[in-house]
């Protein structure tokens, strides 16, 4: 199976449709055709190419190693090959520090120093690339990598492209620097690298994401480390249903008091839920394109769960069998559209644009004793930074103790008269605590407190340039779901 933060980033692999039908003879430097089976590898880390966009792979490696994952082999293309070989050379935390230091210090002049002389030579046809590969060769030679691919701690494989045929070729032995130089030789920018009788160029040309090559080497489980992970979408691009509750009664009471309404008689016995939009779910870095102040843009920090198939009539006592994953949500709300919609007596619609979700979802057991009684007993942190004033508003209410209705009770309520399909997302509603010192998880609650206390709400809703960050960490400080980090563009 292949695990990746966002399955939509798995693109078709070019030039490998007939991977297992190609047969080529071995060549010097242990050139291995892309289809030649290798020793059974078990677990593989596959590194996508992408130039500087491969830098986030260092963080992915930290996350994987922190939970004790160690691959039986690594394989990469282009810049991903550099990360793969460097990690395989020293998979310790200190080794990751060295890789990170290389990326942090990297500048264009270190890999592609442009000059009028080299450009004129390329135009005149005297060279095979716009820049010399000498600077890149020096960088690779100074990097903390094993001298040969056979000297790595973890078996490492580098994917290159044979220029004549366009076929992917896997390098598994020989000197490391020439192999990496070939895998990074982007056609037109760098000259091809000669190995034996073959000219080799960037591995990303033929196998940008060498999953099939990893499988041919014996991998049974593949962890994909994509380039530019900052662009990941939500764990699910869409859902059969997005059902949001309002399980934190403090939030409901404040909202009702602020507008002079009494809480419903069934407040403590019957959960509030609404049906959100599930056809398009927003990613954790998607912009909040609602700068018009007439809309009243607000964030709502929540915890949510992803369900398996839930039969109609499932009781709360059996609901734990159907909770598959836990994640975070920003249930974006356009507050100034809410009153007119509620006055129609038919619920939210225009006031609820696409909800954003955290980049990662985890199984409940990963939360340890923080997951109990259908609640996550950890603080949910929201940090709002104002572009105009530089002011920062922080809320970190506990998501467990004051969640009046547990996720199990919310499941039972939602499934009372209908079955819920696998992939349904169920939200907790805005996390809220009675203790004012814990701050808020939405601006509407802060404005409600101002109205109740002073008769006027002075806190503005979100505006151009404002940034909201939502995250949850365990008691040891480990980031559990990744950040929701959204801005309001101009």
Protein backbone atom coordinates (compact mmCIF):
# COMPACT_ATOMS: atom_id res chain seq x y z
CA UNK A 1 0.00 0.00 0.00
CA UNK A 2 1.11 3.59 -0.53
CA UNK A 3 0.79 6.18 2.21
CA UNK A 4 0.92 9.89 1.36
CA UNK A 5 -0.42 13.03 3.08
CA UNK A 6 -2.51 13.81 -0.01
CA UNK A 7 -3.33 11.12 -2.57
CA UNK A 8 -4.12 13.78 -5.16
CA UNK A 9 -0.39 14.52 -5.40
CA UNK A 10 0.25 11.05 -6.88
CA UNK A 11 0.64 11.85 -10.54
CA UNK A 12 0.90 9.32 -13.43
CA UNK A 13 4.45 8.03 -13.79
CA UNK A 14 5.71 8.81 -17.25
CA UNK A 15 7.72 6.25 -19.20
CA UNK A 16 7.07 3.29 -16.92
CA UNK A 17 3.81 1.84 -18.25
CA UNK A 18 5.66 -1.26 -19.45
CA UNK A 19 8.07 -1.24 -16.56
CA UNK A 20 8.18 -5.01 -16.12
CA UNK A 21 8.46 -5.74 -19.83
CA UNK A 22 11.70 -3.82 -20.40
CA UNK A 23 14.92 -5.83 -20.26
CA UNK A 24 18.31 -4.22 -20.61
CA UNK A 25 21.78 -5.51 -19.95
CA UNK A 26 23.80 -4.25 -17.05
CA UNK A 27 26.28 -1.45 -17.71
CA UNK A 28 29.26 0.04 -15.87
CA UNK A 29 28.61 1.74 -12.51
CA UNK A 30 25.90 -0.86 -11.77
CA UNK A 31 23.29 0.77 -13.96
CA UNK A 32 20.13 -1.16 -13.13
CA UNK A 33 17.10 -0.96 -15.48
CA UNK A 34 13.93 0.26 -13.83
CA UNK A 35 12.30 -3.17 -14.05
CA UNK A 36 15.04 -5.38 -12.66
CA UNK A 37 13.79 -6.97 -9.42
CA UNK A 38 15.92 -6.39 -6.38
CA UNK A 39 16.03 -7.96 -2.93
CA UNK A 40 12.79 -7.90 -1.00
CA UNK A 41 12.77 -4.53 0.73
CA UNK A 42 9.61 -4.54 2.79
CA UNK A 43 9.24 -0.84 3.61
CA UNK A 44 10.41 1.89 1.23
CA UNK A 45 10.64 5.66 1.54
CA UNK A 46 10.07 7.20 -1.91
CA UNK A 47 11.31 10.77 -2.45
CA UNK A 48 9.73 12.90 -5.16
CA UNK A 49 11.87 15.27 -7.20
CA UNK A 50 11.15 18.98 -7.31
CA UNK A 51 14.22 21.16 -6.81
CA UNK A 52 13.95 23.39 -3.75
CA UNK A 53 10.41 22.10 -3.20
CA UNK A 54 12.02 18.91 -1.85
CA UNK A 55 13.26 20.76 1.24
CA UNK A 56 10.11 19.93 3.30
CA UNK A 57 11.01 16.25 2.98
CA UNK A 58 13.44 16.80 5.86
CA UNK A 59 10.51 17.57 8.15
CA UNK A 60 8.65 14.52 6.87
CA UNK A 61 11.68 12.38 7.70
CA UNK A 62 11.72 13.77 11.23
CA UNK A 63 8.05 12.90 11.67
CA UNK A 64 8.51 9.38 10.33
CA UNK A 65 11.59 8.65 12.42
CA UNK A 66 10.04 10.12 15.58
CA UNK A 67 7.37 7.41 15.48
CA UNK A 68 9.99 4.71 14.98
CA UNK A 69 9.63 4.08 11.24
CA UNK A 70 12.81 2.94 9.53
CA UNK A 71 12.75 1.86 5.88
CA UNK A 72 14.39 -1.17 4.35
CA UNK A 73 15.27 0.91 1.30
CA UNK A 74 15.07 4.47 0.01
CA UNK A 75 14.73 5.66 -3.56
CA UNK A 76 14.46 9.12 -5.06
CA UNK A 77 14.54 11.23 -8.20
CA UNK A 78 16.27 14.55 -8.78
CA UNK A 79 16.52 16.62 -5.58
CA UNK A 80 14.57 13.89 -3.80
CA UNK A 81 17.47 11.54 -4.57
CA UNK A 82 19.82 13.85 -2.66
CA UNK A 83 17.56 13.67 0.40
CA UNK A 84 17.20 9.91 0.02
CA UNK A 85 20.94 9.23 -0.14
CA UNK A 86 21.80 11.72 2.60
CA UNK A 87 19.22 10.13 4.90
CA UNK A 88 20.39 6.62 4.02
CA UNK A 89 23.97 7.69 4.80
CA UNK A 90 23.07 8.84 8.31
CA UNK A 91 19.46 8.23 9.42
CA UNK A 92 20.09 9.58 12.94
CA UNK A 93 18.64 12.87 14.25
CA UNK A 94 22.11 14.36 13.82
CA UNK A 95 22.12 13.28 10.19
CA UNK A 96 18.77 15.01 9.65
CA UNK A 97 20.23 18.15 11.23
CA UNK A 98 22.99 18.09 8.61
CA UNK A 99 20.52 17.72 5.74
CA UNK A 100 18.45 20.58 7.12
CA UNK A 101 21.56 22.76 7.40
CA UNK A 102 22.36 22.15 3.72
CA UNK A 103 18.87 23.19 2.63
CA UNK A 104 18.82 26.25 4.90
CA UNK A 105 22.15 27.51 3.55
CA UNK A 106 21.38 26.75 -0.09
CA UNK A 107 21.35 29.62 -2.60
CA UNK A 108 20.95 29.63 -6.38
CA UNK A 109 24.65 30.41 -6.88
CA UNK A 110 25.47 27.14 -5.12
CA UNK A 111 23.72 25.03 -7.76
CA UNK A 112 23.21 27.18 -10.89
CA UNK A 113 25.61 30.13 -11.08
CA UNK A 114 24.54 32.01 -14.21
CA UNK A 115 26.99 34.16 -16.13
CA UNK A 116 27.03 35.91 -19.49
CA UNK A 117 29.85 33.62 -20.59
CA UNK A 118 27.97 30.38 -19.95
CA UNK A 119 24.75 31.73 -21.44
CA UNK A 120 26.53 32.84 -24.62
CA UNK A 121 28.27 29.48 -24.90
CA UNK A 122 24.93 27.69 -24.58
CA UNK A 123 23.31 29.91 -27.22
CA UNK A 124 26.23 29.30 -29.56
CA UNK A 125 25.82 25.54 -29.09
CA UNK A 126 29.23 25.06 -27.50
CA UNK A 127 27.78 23.50 -24.34
CA UNK A 128 24.93 21.11 -23.58
CA UNK A 129 23.43 23.25 -20.80
CA UNK A 130 22.83 26.82 -19.73
CA UNK A 131 25.11 26.41 -16.71
CA UNK A 132 28.05 24.25 -15.80
CA UNK A 133 27.41 21.43 -13.36
CA UNK A 134 30.67 22.13 -11.51
CA UNK A 135 28.98 24.12 -8.73
CA UNK A 136 26.38 21.40 -8.22
CA UNK A 137 29.13 18.78 -8.22
CA UNK A 138 31.01 20.70 -5.51
CA UNK A 139 27.86 20.97 -3.42
CA UNK A 140 27.20 17.24 -3.70
CA UNK A 141 30.81 16.42 -2.88
CA UNK A 142 30.63 18.53 0.29
CA UNK A 143 27.28 17.13 1.40
CA UNK A 144 27.14 14.56 4.19
CA UNK A 145 26.64 11.50 1.99
CA UNK A 146 28.41 8.15 1.74
CA UNK A 147 31.15 7.89 -0.89
CA UNK A 148 29.37 5.07 -2.71
CA UNK A 149 25.77 3.89 -2.79
CA UNK A 150 26.96 0.61 -1.36
CA UNK A 151 28.30 2.37 1.74
CA UNK A 152 24.97 3.76 2.97
CA UNK A 153 23.48 2.54 6.24
CA UNK A 154 20.12 1.92 4.51
CA UNK A 155 20.13 0.56 0.93
CA UNK A 156 19.75 3.60 -1.35
CA UNK A 157 18.73 3.81 -5.00
CA UNK A 158 18.88 6.78 -7.35
CA UNK A 159 16.59 7.16 -10.36
CA UNK A 160 17.97 8.73 -13.54
CA UNK A 161 16.69 8.93 -17.12
CA UNK A 162 18.51 7.48 -20.11
CA UNK A 163 18.62 10.35 -22.59
CA UNK A 164 18.46 8.20 -25.72
CA UNK A 165 15.35 6.23 -24.77
CA UNK A 166 13.70 8.35 -22.09
CA UNK A 167 13.48 5.26 -19.89
CA UNK A 168 13.99 5.33 -16.12
CA UNK A 169 17.17 3.70 -14.83
CA UNK A 170 17.89 2.83 -11.20
CA UNK A 171 21.43 3.27 -9.86
CA UNK A 172 22.09 1.01 -6.89
CA UNK A 173 25.90 0.87 -6.74
CA UNK A 174 28.87 3.03 -7.63
CA UNK A 175 30.04 6.49 -6.60
CA UNK A 176 27.39 8.65 -5.03
CA UNK A 177 28.26 12.08 -6.47
CA UNK A 178 28.05 11.09 -10.17
CA UNK A 179 24.78 9.28 -9.52
CA UNK A 180 23.22 12.31 -7.81
CA UNK A 181 24.65 14.66 -10.42
CA UNK A 182 22.94 12.63 -13.14
CA UNK A 183 19.64 12.48 -11.25
CA UNK A 184 19.67 16.28 -10.88
CA UNK A 185 20.81 17.04 -14.47
CA UNK A 186 17.68 18.86 -15.62
CA UNK A 187 17.75 18.82 -19.45
CA UNK A 188 18.71 22.16 -20.94
CA UNK A 189 19.93 23.56 -17.63
CA UNK A 190 22.73 21.09 -16.92
CA UNK A 191 24.65 18.93 -19.39
CA UNK A 192 23.93 15.17 -19.38
CA UNK A 193 26.19 12.91 -17.30
CA UNK A 194 28.05 10.14 -19.13
CA UNK A 195 28.19 6.69 -17.52
CA UNK A 196 29.68 4.01 -19.70
CA UNK A 197 28.11 4.39 -23.12
CA UNK A 198 24.97 6.11 -21.83
CA UNK A 199 24.06 9.73 -21.29
CA UNK A 200 21.89 10.25 -18.23
CA UNK A 201 19.68 13.16 -17.17
CA UNK A 202 17.23 14.11 -14.43
CA UNK A 203 15.31 11.15 -12.99
CA UNK A 204 12.20 13.31 -12.69
CA UNK A 205 11.84 13.30 -16.47
CA UNK A 206 10.85 9.63 -16.50
CA UNK A 207 9.89 8.82 -12.90
CA UNK A 208 9.24 11.92 -10.84
CA UNK A 209 7.68 9.76 -8.12
CA UNK A 210 9.41 6.35 -8.39
CA UNK A 211 6.83 4.19 -6.64
CA UNK A 212 6.87 1.48 -9.29
CA UNK A 213 10.65 1.33 -9.13
CA UNK A 214 10.43 0.84 -5.36
CA UNK A 215 7.98 -2.01 -5.86
CA UNK A 216 10.30 -3.58 -8.44
CA UNK A 217 13.03 -3.49 -5.80
CA UNK A 218 10.83 -5.51 -3.45
CA UNK A 219 8.94 -2.87 -1.48
CA UNK A 220 5.63 -4.02 -0.04
CA UNK A 221 4.74 -0.84 1.87
CA UNK A 222 5.65 2.55 0.43
CA UNK A 223 5.76 5.89 2.21
CA UNK A 224 5.71 8.74 -0.32
CA UNK A 225 7.55 11.93 0.60
CA UNK A 226 6.15 14.48 -1.86
CA UNK A 227 7.80 17.74 -2.87
CA UNK A 228 6.26 20.97 -1.60
CA UNK A 229 4.22 19.38 1.19
CA UNK A 230 3.05 22.87 2.18
CA UNK A 231 0.55 22.50 -0.65
CA UNK A 232 -1.21 19.45 0.77
CA UNK A 233 -4.97 19.39 0.80
CA UNK A 234 -7.26 18.08 3.51
CA UNK A 235 -7.07 14.36 4.41
CA UNK A 236 -10.25 13.88 2.35
CA UNK A 237 -10.82 16.03 -0.77
CA UNK A 238 -14.56 15.56 -0.31
CA UNK A 239 -16.91 13.64 1.98
CA UNK A 240 -20.27 11.97 1.66
CA UNK A 241 -21.44 14.11 4.56
CA UNK A 242 -20.01 16.90 6.72
CA UNK A 243 -22.11 17.13 9.88
CA UNK A 244 -21.20 19.73 12.45
CA UNK A 245 -22.43 19.75 16.01
CA UNK A 246 -22.38 22.30 18.81
CA UNK A 247 -21.29 20.18 21.73
CA UNK A 248 -19.72 22.96 23.82
CA UNK A 249 -22.65 24.50 25.65
CA UNK A 250 -20.73 27.55 26.84
CA UNK A 251 -20.48 28.70 23.22
CA UNK A 252 -24.21 28.18 22.63
CA UNK A 253 -25.20 30.00 25.83
CA UNK A 254 -22.97 33.01 25.09
CA UNK A 255 -24.26 33.32 21.53
CA UNK A 256 -27.90 33.18 22.69
CA UNK A 257 -27.37 35.65 25.53
CA UNK A 258 -25.65 38.13 23.21
CA UNK A 259 -28.73 38.35 21.03
CA UNK A 260 -31.18 38.31 23.93
CA UNK A 261 -32.46 34.78 23.34
CA UNK A 262 -32.94 32.01 25.86
CA UNK A 263 -31.26 28.63 25.39
CA UNK A 264 -33.56 25.87 24.18
CA UNK A 265 -35.20 23.72 26.84
CA UNK A 266 -33.46 20.69 25.33
CA UNK A 267 -30.00 22.33 25.38
CA UNK A 268 -28.47 19.70 27.66
CA UNK A 269 -30.34 16.68 26.30
CA UNK A 270 -30.56 17.11 22.53
CA UNK A 271 -27.46 18.07 20.47
CA UNK A 272 -27.51 20.82 17.89
CA UNK A 273 -26.23 19.74 14.45
CA UNK A 274 -26.31 21.13 10.95
CA UNK A 275 -25.43 19.72 7.53
CA UNK A 276 -22.39 21.47 6.04
CA UNK A 277 -21.08 21.47 2.51
CA UNK A 278 -19.12 18.28 1.79
CA UNK A 279 -18.60 18.40 -1.99
CA UNK A 280 -15.54 20.68 -1.68
CA UNK A 281 -13.38 20.69 1.44
CA UNK A 282 -10.69 23.34 1.89
CA UNK A 283 -7.04 22.55 2.53
CA UNK A 284 -5.10 23.69 5.59
CA UNK A 285 -3.25 26.41 3.64
CA UNK A 286 -6.07 27.62 1.41
CA UNK A 287 -6.64 31.37 1.44
CA UNK A 288 -9.78 32.78 3.01
CA UNK A 289 -11.06 34.82 0.08
CA UNK A 290 -13.76 36.72 1.93
CA UNK A 291 -12.16 40.11 2.50
CA UNK A 292 -15.40 42.09 2.05
CA UNK A 293 -16.07 43.44 5.57
CA UNK A 294 -19.81 43.21 4.95
CA UNK A 295 -19.52 39.41 5.20
CA UNK A 296 -18.10 39.28 8.74
CA UNK A 297 -15.43 36.62 8.20
CA UNK A 298 -14.79 34.45 11.25
CA UNK A 299 -12.88 31.28 12.06
CA UNK A 300 -14.16 28.43 14.23
CA UNK A 301 -11.59 26.02 15.66
CA UNK A 302 -12.99 22.54 16.14
CA UNK A 303 -12.12 18.89 16.60
CA UNK A 304 -13.68 16.44 14.14
CA UNK A 305 -13.79 12.71 13.48
CA UNK A 306 -14.06 10.66 10.30
CA UNK A 307 -16.48 7.75 10.55
CA UNK A 308 -16.75 4.31 9.02
CA UNK A 309 -20.14 2.96 8.00
CA UNK A 310 -22.62 3.70 10.80
CA UNK A 311 -25.87 1.68 10.76
CA UNK A 312 -29.12 3.51 11.39
CA UNK A 313 -30.04 3.47 15.06
CA UNK A 314 -26.50 2.96 16.38
CA UNK A 315 -26.50 3.75 20.13
CA UNK A 316 -23.84 5.85 21.79
CA UNK A 317 -22.54 2.74 23.58
CA UNK A 318 -21.58 1.20 20.21
CA UNK A 319 -20.48 4.36 18.41
CA UNK A 320 -16.79 3.90 19.31
CA UNK A 321 -16.60 1.06 16.78
CA UNK A 322 -17.27 3.54 13.98
CA UNK A 323 -14.82 6.36 14.78
CA UNK A 324 -11.89 5.82 12.44
CA UNK A 325 -9.84 9.04 12.48
CA UNK A 326 -9.51 12.32 14.39
CA UNK A 327 -8.57 15.69 12.86
CA UNK A 328 -8.98 19.46 13.26
CA UNK A 329 -11.29 21.83 11.43
CA UNK A 330 -11.75 25.52 10.74
CA UNK A 331 -15.49 25.82 10.20
CA UNK A 332 -15.30 29.16 8.39
CA UNK A 333 -18.37 31.33 8.99
CA UNK A 334 -19.59 34.57 7.41
CA UNK A 335 -21.27 35.98 10.51
CA UNK A 336 -23.14 38.85 8.89
CA UNK A 337 -25.01 36.44 6.62
CA UNK A 338 -26.19 34.24 9.50
CA UNK A 339 -29.11 36.31 10.90
CA UNK A 340 -31.02 36.53 7.61
CA UNK A 341 -30.49 32.83 6.89
CA UNK A 342 -31.67 31.75 10.34
CA UNK A 343 -34.67 34.06 10.08
CA UNK A 344 -35.86 32.02 7.11
CA UNK A 345 -36.04 28.97 9.38
CA UNK A 346 -34.12 26.74 7.00
CA UNK A 347 -30.57 26.79 8.41
CA UNK A 348 -27.12 27.82 7.19
CA UNK A 349 -26.04 27.88 3.56
CA UNK A 350 -24.31 30.98 2.15
CA UNK A 351 -22.94 31.80 5.59
CA UNK A 352 -20.99 28.53 5.64
CA UNK A 353 -18.37 28.33 2.86
CA UNK A 354 -15.97 25.38 2.55
CA UNK A 355 -14.60 24.12 5.86
CA UNK A 356 -10.81 23.73 6.12
CA UNK A 357 -9.26 20.65 7.70
CA UNK A 358 -5.85 19.84 9.16
CA UNK A 359 -3.31 18.22 6.81
CA UNK A 360 -3.27 15.01 8.80
CA UNK A 361 -5.83 12.80 10.52
CA UNK A 362 -4.78 10.22 13.11
CA UNK A 363 -6.35 7.08 14.49
CA UNK A 364 -7.73 7.50 18.02
CA UNK A 365 -5.15 5.12 19.51
CA UNK A 366 -2.38 7.54 18.44
CA UNK A 367 -3.77 10.02 20.97
CA UNK A 368 -3.15 7.62 23.86
CA UNK A 369 -5.00 8.48 27.05
CA UNK A 370 -5.94 11.89 25.61
CA UNK A 371 -8.70 10.04 23.71
CA UNK A 372 -11.26 8.85 26.20
CA UNK A 373 -15.05 8.85 26.51
CA UNK A 374 -15.34 10.01 22.91
CA UNK A 375 -13.45 13.24 23.56
CA UNK A 376 -9.95 14.60 22.94
CA UNK A 377 -8.60 15.82 26.28
CA UNK A 378 -6.05 18.31 24.98
CA UNK A 379 -6.08 22.09 24.44
CA UNK A 380 -6.91 23.39 20.96
CA UNK A 381 -4.79 26.44 20.17
CA UNK A 382 -5.92 29.24 17.86
CA UNK A 383 -3.60 32.16 17.04
CA UNK A 384 -5.01 35.12 15.13
CA UNK A 385 -2.49 37.71 13.92
CA UNK A 386 -3.82 41.04 12.72
CA UNK A 387 -2.13 42.50 9.64
CA UNK A 388 -2.89 46.15 10.43
CA UNK A 389 -2.07 46.32 14.14
CA UNK A 390 0.20 43.30 14.54
CA UNK A 391 -1.98 42.27 17.47
CA UNK A 392 -2.11 38.57 18.29
CA UNK A 393 -5.13 36.92 19.84
CA UNK A 394 -4.59 33.46 21.31
CA UNK A 395 -7.07 30.91 22.57
CA UNK A 396 -6.22 27.48 23.95
CA UNK A 397 -9.38 26.03 25.54
CA UNK A 398 -9.42 22.41 26.61
CA UNK A 399 -11.29 20.29 24.06
CA UNK A 400 -12.29 17.53 26.47
CA UNK A 401 -13.87 18.38 29.84
CA UNK A 402 -16.49 20.90 28.64
CA UNK A 403 -17.59 18.97 25.54
CA UNK A 404 -21.08 18.26 26.86
CA UNK A 405 -22.00 15.78 24.13
CA UNK A 406 -19.23 13.31 23.28
CA UNK A 407 -18.52 12.24 19.72
CA UNK A 408 -20.23 8.94 20.58
CA UNK A 409 -23.40 10.80 21.55
CA UNK A 410 -23.19 12.97 18.43
CA UNK A 411 -22.87 9.81 16.28
CA UNK A 412 -25.95 8.30 17.92
CA UNK A 413 -27.90 11.52 17.38
CA UNK A 414 -26.90 11.82 13.70
CA UNK A 415 -27.67 8.13 13.03
CA UNK A 416 -31.02 8.07 14.81
CA UNK A 417 -33.06 7.94 11.59
CA UNK A 418 -30.43 7.44 8.89
CA UNK A 419 -27.30 5.41 8.21
CA UNK A 420 -24.04 7.30 7.77
CA UNK A 421 -21.66 6.32 4.98
CA UNK A 422 -17.96 5.65 5.49
CA UNK A 423 -16.04 8.88 5.12
CA UNK A 424 -18.64 11.02 6.88
CA UNK A 425 -17.00 13.82 8.88
CA UNK A 426 -18.53 14.82 12.21
CA UNK A 427 -17.49 18.02 13.99
CA UNK A 428 -17.56 18.97 17.67
CA UNK A 429 -18.56 22.57 17.13
CA UNK A 430 -16.52 25.53 18.36
CA UNK A 431 -14.34 24.49 21.31
CA UNK A 432 -15.24 26.74 24.24
CA UNK A 433 -14.47 26.95 27.98
CA UNK A 434 -16.17 28.95 30.72
CA UNK A 435 -12.77 30.14 31.96
CA UNK A 436 -12.11 33.41 30.11
CA UNK A 437 -8.38 33.00 30.62
CA UNK A 438 -8.43 30.16 28.07
CA UNK A 439 -9.43 32.59 25.33
CA UNK A 440 -11.78 31.77 22.46
CA UNK A 441 -11.90 29.60 19.35
CA UNK A 442 -13.86 32.14 17.27
CA UNK A 443 -14.32 35.90 17.17
CA UNK A 444 -18.10 35.66 17.54
CA UNK A 445 -17.66 34.37 21.10
CA UNK A 446 -15.34 37.23 22.01
CA UNK A 447 -17.81 39.71 20.53
CA UNK A 448 -20.63 38.04 22.48
CA UNK A 449 -18.74 38.58 25.73
CA UNK A 450 -18.25 42.24 24.81
CA UNK A 451 -21.95 42.67 24.08
CA UNK A 452 -22.96 41.02 27.34
CA UNK A 453 -20.45 42.97 29.41
CA UNK A 454 -20.43 46.39 27.74
CA UNK A 455 -23.39 46.52 25.38
CA UNK A 456 -21.23 46.82 22.26
CA UNK A 457 -18.94 44.48 20.31
CA UNK A 458 -15.63 46.16 19.52
CA UNK A 459 -13.55 43.27 18.19
CA UNK A 460 -13.61 43.33 14.37
CA UNK A 461 -14.00 40.24 12.26
CA UNK A 462 -11.09 39.08 10.10
CA UNK A 463 -9.75 41.47 7.47
CA UNK A 464 -7.19 41.64 4.66
CA UNK A 465 -3.82 40.21 5.67
CA UNK A 466 -5.06 38.57 8.87
CA UNK A 467 -3.77 35.08 9.58
CA UNK A 468 -5.34 32.29 11.64
CA UNK A 469 -3.35 29.26 12.83
CA UNK A 470 -5.12 26.30 14.47
CA UNK A 471 -3.14 23.45 16.01
CA UNK A 472 -3.16 20.82 18.75
CA UNK A 473 -0.17 19.39 20.57
CA UNK A 474 0.08 16.57 23.06
CA UNK A 475 1.38 17.04 26.59
CA UNK A 476 4.94 16.49 25.34
CA UNK A 477 4.59 19.26 22.77
CA UNK A 478 4.30 17.00 19.72
CA UNK A 479 2.23 18.42 16.87
CA UNK A 480 -0.53 15.87 16.26
CA UNK A 481 -2.38 16.99 13.14
CA UNK A 482 -0.25 19.64 11.49
CA UNK A 483 -1.34 23.26 11.35
CA UNK A 484 -4.32 24.85 9.71
CA UNK A 485 -2.68 28.10 8.59
CA UNK A 486 -4.87 30.43 6.54
CA UNK A 487 -4.65 34.06 5.46
CA UNK A 488 -7.07 36.62 4.06
CA UNK A 489 -5.63 37.86 0.73
CA UNK A 490 -6.21 41.41 -0.52
